[in-house]
Amino acid sequence: MSVKVFVGNLPFGVTDEKLKEEFGRFGSVESARVVTDKHTGRSRGYGFVEFADQVAADAAIQGMNAQPMEGRNLTVSAAKSQANERP
């Protein structure tokens, strides 16, 4: 079962590929996505990384939270489930 991690305070120039590369050192990344504005295509400053297992996700949270990326300190935590938010 895959585990999703929230990554906030991303530099606006970070791409999906860069996010996957940075977090890949903690384990197998199934997907990495920077959330973009649907009208402008510009990054909204946060994204999600999906790991193959909980151990890798926990390591990424511990290893990357409050760490700098291109001059900004990241906020990394377990992603909250959207199951209760959408019908």
Protein backbone atom coordinates (compact mmCIF):
# COMPACT_ATOMS: atom_id res chain seq x y z
CA MET A 1 0.00 0.00 0.00
CA SER A 2 1.40 3.38 -0.98
CA VAL A 3 1.83 6.24 1.48
CA LYS A 4 1.37 9.89 0.49
CA VAL A 5 3.47 12.71 1.95
CA PHE A 6 2.61 16.44 1.79
CA VAL A 7 5.44 18.81 0.84
CA GLY A 8 4.80 22.50 1.50
CA ASN A 9 6.72 25.74 0.98
CA LEU A 10 8.18 24.46 -2.29
CA PRO A 11 10.18 26.89 -4.41
CA PHE A 12 8.05 27.88 -7.40
CA GLY A 13 10.61 26.53 -9.89
CA VAL A 14 10.53 22.94 -8.59
CA THR A 15 9.17 20.38 -11.08
CA ASP A 16 7.64 16.94 -10.57
CA GLU A 17 10.93 15.40 -11.69
CA LYS A 18 13.00 17.47 -9.23
CA LEU A 19 10.62 16.54 -6.40
CA LYS A 20 10.91 12.84 -7.27
CA GLU A 21 14.70 13.09 -7.45
CA GLU A 22 15.04 14.84 -4.08
CA PHE A 23 12.74 12.42 -2.24
CA GLY A 24 13.94 9.29 -4.08
CA ARG A 25 16.94 8.97 -1.78
CA PHE A 26 14.59 7.89 1.03
CA GLY A 27 12.98 5.00 -0.83
CA SER A 28 10.91 3.99 -3.81
CA VAL A 29 8.84 6.96 -5.05
CA GLU A 30 5.72 5.88 -6.91
CA SER A 31 4.74 9.43 -7.90
CA ALA A 32 5.66 13.04 -7.22
CA ARG A 33 3.40 15.93 -8.17
CA VAL A 34 3.71 19.68 -7.74
CA VAL A 35 0.24 21.22 -7.52
CA THR A 36 -0.28 23.96 -10.10
CA ASP A 37 -2.89 26.65 -10.62
CA LYS A 38 -5.32 25.43 -13.29
CA HIS A 39 -5.55 28.85 -14.95
CA THR A 40 -1.92 29.98 -14.98
CA GLY A 41 -0.06 26.67 -14.74
CA ARG A 42 2.16 28.20 -12.04
CA SER A 43 3.15 26.18 -9.00
CA ARG A 44 1.02 26.74 -5.91
CA GLY A 45 4.03 26.07 -3.68
CA TYR A 46 3.13 22.59 -2.49
CA GLY A 47 2.95 19.03 -3.73
CA PHE A 48 2.68 15.38 -2.86
CA VAL A 49 5.10 12.47 -2.98
CA GLU A 50 3.81 8.92 -2.90
CA PHE A 51 6.08 6.23 -1.48
CA ALA A 52 5.82 2.47 -1.85
CA ASP A 53 5.90 1.90 1.92
CA GLN A 54 5.53 3.58 5.31
CA VAL A 55 9.20 3.20 6.23
CA ALA A 56 10.32 5.29 3.24
CA ALA A 57 7.62 7.90 3.90
CA ASP A 58 8.64 8.22 7.56
CA ALA A 59 12.30 8.54 6.57
CA ALA A 60 11.44 11.30 4.08
CA ILE A 61 9.39 13.20 6.67
CA GLN A 62 12.23 12.99 9.19
CA GLY A 63 14.92 13.75 6.63
CA MET A 64 13.30 16.59 4.68
CA ASN A 65 11.07 18.49 7.11
CA ALA A 66 12.50 22.00 7.75
CA GLN A 67 15.35 21.35 5.30
CA PRO A 68 16.22 24.00 2.69
CA MET A 69 15.47 23.57 -0.99
CA GLU A 70 16.53 26.42 -3.24
CA GLY A 71 16.44 28.86 -0.32
CA ARG A 72 13.12 27.80 1.21
CA ASN A 73 12.64 25.52 4.22
CA LEU A 74 10.27 22.69 3.36
CA THR A 75 7.29 21.59 5.41
CA VAL A 76 6.96 17.81 5.09
CA SER A 77 4.28 15.73 6.81
CA ALA A 78 1.96 12.79 6.30
CA ALA A 79 -0.77 13.75 3.84
CA LYS A 80 -4.27 13.96 5.22
CA SER A 81 -6.89 11.72 3.67
CA GLN A 82 -9.38 13.37 1.34
CA ALA A 83 -11.89 10.55 1.79
CA ASN A 84 -14.03 12.56 4.20
CA GLU A 85 -13.79 15.82 2.28
CA ARG A 86 -15.33 14.72 -1.01
CA PRO A 87 -18.55 12.82 -1.63
